[in-house]
Amino acid sequence: MVLVPLLIHFGKLEDKKAFSSAISIILPMCLVTLTVYWRSGNFPGVEALPYLAGGLVGGLAGGLLFRRVTPQFLHRLFGLIILWGGLRLLWT
């Protein structure tokens, strides 16, 4: 939630470059986290499959739609996701 605005503001990247760069930064971090959990025996295996499948479908859909989406739409969508997350935190 913080990486894309940081890349736009401080990294002076274009919007789409910031989103794709964020993905390229987050993916290795996720793989390291997966390795740590796996090696410590805390990876929930079967319980994680629905989330992994959802992430795969979302990632593929996002990759296919990425070139067709305007930067303005990405900003609005990203803003709505941040607002939704903030409101959920306030009411839970």
Protein backbone atom coordinates (compact mmCIF):
# COMPACT_ATOMS: atom_id res chain seq x y z
CA MET A 1 0.00 0.00 0.00
CA VAL A 2 2.95 2.33 0.50
CA LEU A 3 5.41 1.17 -2.13
CA VAL A 4 3.67 2.51 -5.25
CA PRO A 5 3.24 6.08 -3.93
CA LEU A 6 6.85 6.03 -2.73
CA LEU A 7 8.08 4.93 -6.15
CA ILE A 8 6.03 7.65 -7.84
CA HIS A 9 7.00 10.44 -5.47
CA PHE A 10 10.60 9.67 -4.55
CA GLY A 11 11.58 7.41 -7.44
CA LYS A 12 10.02 9.79 -10.00
CA LEU A 13 8.58 6.83 -11.89
CA GLU A 14 5.57 6.98 -14.19
CA ASP A 15 2.43 5.42 -12.75
CA LYS A 16 2.52 2.17 -14.72
CA LYS A 17 6.26 1.79 -14.14
CA ALA A 18 5.70 2.24 -10.40
CA PHE A 19 3.01 -0.47 -10.33
CA SER A 20 5.11 -2.94 -12.31
CA SER A 21 8.21 -2.11 -10.24
CA ALA A 22 6.25 -2.70 -7.04
CA ILE A 23 5.29 -6.15 -8.26
CA SER A 24 8.90 -6.94 -9.13
CA ILE A 25 9.92 -5.86 -5.61
CA ILE A 26 7.11 -7.66 -3.78
CA LEU A 27 7.52 -11.02 -5.58
CA PRO A 28 11.04 -11.77 -4.26
CA MET A 29 9.96 -10.71 -0.76
CA CYS A 30 7.05 -13.15 -0.94
CA LEU A 31 9.33 -15.95 -2.09
CA VAL A 32 11.72 -15.31 0.81
CA THR A 33 8.80 -15.33 3.25
CA LEU A 34 7.48 -18.58 1.76
CA THR A 35 10.94 -20.16 2.13
CA VAL A 36 11.23 -19.07 5.77
CA TYR A 37 7.80 -20.46 6.64
CA TRP A 38 8.46 -23.68 4.70
CA ARG A 39 11.83 -24.32 6.37
CA SER A 40 10.44 -23.64 9.85
CA GLY A 41 7.57 -26.06 9.28
CA ASN A 42 4.90 -23.38 9.62
CA PHE A 43 3.61 -23.36 6.03
CA PRO A 44 -0.10 -24.26 6.15
CA GLY A 45 -0.04 -26.21 2.86
CA VAL A 46 -3.61 -27.24 2.04
CA GLU A 47 -5.13 -24.28 3.90
CA ALA A 48 -3.16 -21.86 1.71
CA LEU A 49 -4.28 -23.32 -1.62
CA PRO A 50 -7.48 -21.23 -2.02
CA TYR A 51 -5.49 -18.03 -1.42
CA LEU A 52 -2.72 -19.10 -3.77
CA ALA A 53 -5.26 -19.98 -6.48
CA GLY A 54 -7.00 -16.62 -6.05
CA GLY A 55 -3.68 -14.80 -6.23
CA LEU A 56 -2.75 -16.69 -9.39
CA VAL A 57 -6.04 -15.84 -11.12
CA GLY A 58 -5.83 -12.20 -10.02
CA GLY A 59 -2.22 -11.94 -11.12
CA LEU A 60 -2.96 -13.38 -14.55
CA ALA A 61 -6.00 -11.12 -15.02
CA GLY A 62 -4.02 -8.08 -13.89
CA GLY A 63 -1.18 -8.94 -16.25
CA LEU A 64 -3.54 -9.26 -19.20
CA LEU A 65 -5.40 -6.03 -18.41
CA PHE A 66 -2.36 -3.95 -17.41
CA ARG A 67 -1.66 -2.45 -20.83
CA ARG A 68 -5.33 -1.58 -21.39
CA VAL A 69 -5.85 0.34 -18.15
CA THR A 70 -5.18 4.08 -17.91
CA PRO A 71 -2.97 5.51 -15.16
CA GLN A 72 -5.92 7.61 -13.94
CA PHE A 73 -7.99 4.45 -13.42
CA LEU A 74 -5.11 2.80 -11.56
CA HIS A 75 -4.83 5.81 -9.23
CA ARG A 76 -8.55 5.77 -8.48
CA LEU A 77 -8.65 2.02 -7.95
CA PHE A 78 -5.59 2.12 -5.70
CA GLY A 79 -7.12 5.01 -3.72
CA LEU A 80 -10.37 3.08 -3.26
CA ILE A 81 -8.49 0.03 -2.02
CA ILE A 82 -6.59 2.14 0.52
CA LEU A 83 -9.82 3.82 1.69
CA TRP A 84 -11.62 0.48 1.96
CA GLY A 85 -8.78 -0.96 4.03
CA GLY A 86 -8.74 2.08 6.29
CA LEU A 87 -12.49 1.95 6.85
CA ARG A 88 -12.33 -1.75 7.66
CA LEU A 89 -9.68 -1.00 10.28
CA LEU A 90 -11.86 1.69 11.83
CA TRP A 91 -14.94 -0.54 12.16
CA THR A 92 -13.32 -3.80 13.26
